[in-house]
Amino acid sequence: MTQNDDLGRRGERLAADYLAGLGYRIIDRNWRCPSGEIDLVAVDGDELVIVEVKTRSSTAFGDPLEGVTDAKLTRLCVLAGAWRRAHPGVRTGGSRIDLVGIVAPRTRPAAIDHLRAVA
């Protein structure tokens, strides 16, 4: 496991805790299929929320959310459909994609930026 893997896992834990604090119910983590991976799947009210988490230790190379490209958003939309098909028993009104950017330096508390309904 690399240092980046550790940072990514820490970021996903921080994001899940943050979202749970907002009332989201986390129902899946690191779900994989041939098309890719979803970091977190949650329910917020009656909406299914696909969550992409980007974590960096600093902003020296830019904001974490700058790493989410249009191609990544398109892939997340495809993954959302694949997740729904794989979990037909989960009934929600609609779905959306949220982004969570985390800057997690070793010596200071993490900063969390949450963008709702980007797609």
C-alpha atoms as a PDB file:
ATOM      1  CA  MET A   1       0.000   0.000   0.000  1.00  0.00           C
ATOM      2  CA  THR A   2       1.436   3.386  -0.989  1.00  0.00           C
ATOM      3  CA  GLN A   3       1.313   6.675   0.848  1.00  0.00           C
ATOM      4  CA  ASN A   4      -1.249   7.883  -1.730  1.00  0.00           C
ATOM      5  CA  ASP A   5      -3.445   4.845  -1.001  1.00  0.00           C
ATOM      6  CA  ASP A   6      -3.333   5.696   2.712  1.00  0.00           C
ATOM      7  CA  LEU A   7      -4.219   9.314   1.968  1.00  0.00           C
ATOM      8  CA  GLY A   8      -7.086   8.238  -0.292  1.00  0.00           C
ATOM      9  CA  ARG A   9      -8.509   5.863   2.296  1.00  0.00           C
ATOM     10  CA  ARG A  10      -8.232   8.543   4.975  1.00  0.00           C
ATOM     11  CA  GLY A  11     -10.017  10.994   2.682  1.00  0.00           C
ATOM     12  CA  GLU A  12     -12.841   8.545   2.021  1.00  0.00           C
ATOM     13  CA  ARG A  13     -13.272   7.968   5.774  1.00  0.00           C
ATOM     14  CA  LEU A  14     -13.325  11.715   6.412  1.00  0.00           C
ATOM     15  CA  ALA A  15     -15.841  12.230   3.595  1.00  0.00           C
ATOM     16  CA  ALA A  16     -18.104   9.434   4.865  1.00  0.00           C
ATOM     17  CA  ASP A  17     -18.024  10.861   8.404  1.00  0.00           C
ATOM     18  CA  TYR A  18     -18.684  14.377   7.109  1.00  0.00           C
ATOM     19  CA  LEU A  19     -21.635  13.264   4.982  1.00  0.00           C
ATOM     20  CA  ALA A  20     -23.069  11.138   7.800  1.00  0.00           C
ATOM     21  CA  GLY A  21     -22.918  14.259   9.962  1.00  0.00           C
ATOM     22  CA  LEU A  22     -25.102  15.984   7.373  1.00  0.00           C
ATOM     23  CA  GLY A  23     -27.640  13.165   7.607  1.00  0.00           C
ATOM     24  CA  TYR A  24     -26.551  11.108   4.606  1.00  0.00           C
ATOM     25  CA  ARG A  25     -26.781   7.347   5.023  1.00  0.00           C
ATOM     26  CA  ILE A  26     -23.698   5.650   3.545  1.00  0.00           C
ATOM     27  CA  ILE A  27     -24.822   2.407   1.910  1.00  0.00           C
ATOM     28  CA  ASP A  28     -21.763   1.355  -0.109  1.00  0.00           C
ATOM     29  CA  ARG A  29     -18.033   2.076  -0.300  1.00  0.00           C
ATOM     30  CA  ASN A  30     -15.518   1.425  -3.059  1.00  0.00           C
ATOM     31  CA  TRP A  31     -18.040  -0.356  -5.279  1.00  0.00           C
ATOM     32  CA  ARG A  32     -16.389  -1.739  -8.405  1.00  0.00           C
ATOM     33  CA  CYS A  33     -17.578  -3.000 -11.753  1.00  0.00           C
ATOM     34  CA  PRO A  34     -15.886  -3.337 -15.165  1.00  0.00           C
ATOM     35  CA  SER A  35     -16.588   0.362 -15.876  1.00  0.00           C
ATOM     36  CA  GLY A  36     -14.789   1.668 -12.796  1.00  0.00           C
ATOM     37  CA  GLU A  37     -15.244   2.419  -9.113  1.00  0.00           C
ATOM     38  CA  ILE A  38     -17.575   4.549  -7.003  1.00  0.00           C
ATOM     39  CA  ASP A  39     -15.965   5.883  -3.829  1.00  0.00           C
ATOM     40  CA  LEU A  40     -19.156   6.256  -1.781  1.00  0.00           C
ATOM     41  CA  VAL A  41     -22.838   5.592  -2.367  1.00  0.00           C
ATOM     42  CA  ALA A  42     -25.233   7.326  -0.009  1.00  0.00           C
ATOM     43  CA  VAL A  43     -28.866   8.189   0.449  1.00  0.00           C
ATOM     44  CA  ASP A  44     -29.816  11.794   1.192  1.00  0.00           C
ATOM     45  CA  GLY A  45     -33.535  12.111   1.832  1.00  0.00           C
ATOM     46  CA  ASP A  46     -35.060  10.224  -1.079  1.00  0.00           C
ATOM     47  CA  GLU A  47     -32.082  10.669  -3.428  1.00  0.00           C
ATOM     48  CA  LEU A  48     -29.345   8.201  -4.247  1.00  0.00           C
ATOM     49  CA  VAL A  49     -26.021  10.059  -4.125  1.00  0.00           C
ATOM     50  CA  ILE A  50     -22.910   8.892  -5.943  1.00  0.00           C
ATOM     51  CA  VAL A  51     -19.932  10.531  -4.247  1.00  0.00           C
ATOM     52  CA  GLU A  52     -16.509  11.065  -5.780  1.00  0.00           C
ATOM     53  CA  VAL A  53     -13.841  11.853  -3.185  1.00  0.00           C
ATOM     54  CA  LYS A  54     -10.577  13.561  -4.136  1.00  0.00           C
ATOM     55  CA  THR A  55      -7.939  13.928  -1.428  1.00  0.00           C
ATOM     56  CA  ARG A  56      -4.625  15.737  -1.443  1.00  0.00           C
ATOM     57  CA  SER A  57      -2.152  16.497   1.309  1.00  0.00           C
ATOM     58  CA  SER A  58      -1.809  20.111   0.142  1.00  0.00           C
ATOM     59  CA  THR A  59      -2.912  22.464  -2.613  1.00  0.00           C
ATOM     60  CA  ALA A  60       0.615  22.726  -4.037  1.00  0.00           C
ATOM     61  CA  PHE A  61      -0.624  21.042  -7.225  1.00  0.00           C
ATOM     62  CA  GLY A  62      -4.087  22.613  -7.165  1.00  0.00           C
ATOM     63  CA  ASP A  63      -7.408  22.025  -5.476  1.00  0.00           C
ATOM     64  CA  PRO A  64      -8.451  18.376  -5.209  1.00  0.00           C
ATOM     65  CA  LEU A  65     -11.699  18.997  -7.080  1.00  0.00           C
ATOM     66  CA  GLU A  66      -9.759  20.245 -10.101  1.00  0.00           C
ATOM     67  CA  GLY A  67      -8.930  16.571 -10.651  1.00  0.00           C
ATOM     68  CA  VAL A  68     -12.536  15.776 -11.580  1.00  0.00           C
ATOM     69  CA  THR A  69     -12.734  16.075 -15.355  1.00  0.00           C
ATOM     70  CA  ASP A  70     -15.748  16.041 -17.657  1.00  0.00           C
ATOM     71  CA  ALA A  71     -14.733  12.493 -18.641  1.00  0.00           C
ATOM     72  CA  LYS A  72     -14.772  11.462 -14.966  1.00  0.00           C
ATOM     73  CA  LEU A  73     -18.255  12.978 -14.500  1.00  0.00           C
ATOM     74  CA  THR A  74     -19.475  11.075 -17.555  1.00  0.00           C
ATOM     75  CA  ARG A  75     -18.002   7.851 -16.146  1.00  0.00           C
ATOM     76  CA  LEU A  76     -19.671   8.522 -12.775  1.00  0.00           C
ATOM     77  CA  CYS A  77     -23.041   8.839 -14.544  1.00  0.00           C
ATOM     78  CA  VAL A  78     -22.437   5.467 -16.215  1.00  0.00           C
ATOM     79  CA  LEU A  79     -21.373   3.969 -12.892  1.00  0.00           C
ATOM     80  CA  ALA A  80     -24.503   5.324 -11.185  1.00  0.00           C
ATOM     81  CA  GLY A  81     -26.649   3.416 -13.677  1.00  0.00           C
ATOM     82  CA  ALA A  82     -24.560   0.268 -13.225  1.00  0.00           C
ATOM     83  CA  TRP A  83     -24.863   0.517  -9.433  1.00  0.00           C
ATOM     84  CA  ARG A  84     -28.656   0.896  -9.668  1.00  0.00           C
ATOM     85  CA  ARG A  85     -28.916  -2.144 -11.949  1.00  0.00           C
ATOM     86  CA  ALA A  86     -26.757  -4.176  -9.555  1.00  0.00           C
ATOM     87  CA  HIS A  87     -28.903  -3.136  -6.553  1.00  0.00           C
ATOM     88  CA  PRO A  88     -32.535  -3.259  -7.731  1.00  0.00           C
ATOM     89  CA  GLY A  89     -33.835  -3.478  -4.164  1.00  0.00           C
ATOM     90  CA  VAL A  90     -32.600   0.022  -3.307  1.00  0.00           C
ATOM     91  CA  ARG A  91     -35.461   2.351  -4.115  1.00  0.00           C
ATOM     92  CA  THR A  92     -34.930   6.098  -4.204  1.00  0.00           C
ATOM     93  CA  GLY A  93     -36.688   8.981  -5.901  1.00  0.00           C
ATOM     94  CA  GLY A  94     -33.820  10.249  -7.980  1.00  0.00           C
ATOM     95  CA  SER A  95     -30.076  10.345  -8.062  1.00  0.00           C
ATOM     96  CA  ARG A  96     -27.273  12.865  -8.227  1.00  0.00           C
ATOM     97  CA  ILE A  97     -23.503  13.086  -8.089  1.00  0.00           C
ATOM     98  CA  ASP A  98     -21.723  14.962  -5.308  1.00  0.00           C
ATOM     99  CA  LEU A  99     -18.029  15.765  -5.133  1.00  0.00           C
ATOM    100  CA  VAL A 100     -16.030  15.964  -1.930  1.00  0.00           C
ATOM    101  CA  GLY A 101     -12.577  17.529  -2.027  1.00  0.00           C
ATOM    102  CA  ILE A 102     -10.323  17.091   0.979  1.00  0.00           C
ATOM    103  CA  VAL A 103      -7.012  18.725   1.784  1.00  0.00           C
ATOM    104  CA  ALA A 104      -5.528  16.627   4.582  1.00  0.00           C
ATOM    105  CA  PRO A 105      -2.095  17.840   5.701  1.00  0.00           C
ATOM    106  CA  ARG A 106      -0.320  15.649   8.232  1.00  0.00           C
ATOM    107  CA  THR A 107       0.053  18.407  10.819  1.00  0.00           C
ATOM    108  CA  ARG A 108      -3.306  20.195  10.628  1.00  0.00           C
ATOM    109  CA  PRO A 109      -6.985  19.256  10.525  1.00  0.00           C
ATOM    110  CA  ALA A 110      -8.402  18.404   7.116  1.00  0.00           C
ATOM    111  CA  ALA A 111     -10.391  20.930   5.098  1.00  0.00           C
ATOM    112  CA  ILE A 112     -13.478  19.579   3.343  1.00  0.00           C
ATOM    113  CA  ASP A 113     -15.174  21.102   0.290  1.00  0.00           C
ATOM    114  CA  HIS A 114     -18.511  19.577  -0.762  1.00  0.00           C
ATOM    115  CA  LEU A 115     -20.213  20.250  -4.094  1.00  0.00           C
ATOM    116  CA  ARG A 116     -23.768  18.912  -4.308  1.00  0.00           C
ATOM    117  CA  ALA A 117     -25.507  17.810  -7.475  1.00  0.00           C
ATOM    118  CA  VAL A 118     -22.729  18.430  -9.986  1.00  0.00           C
ATOM    119  CA  ALA A 119     -24.454  15.990 -12.320  1.00  0.00           C
END
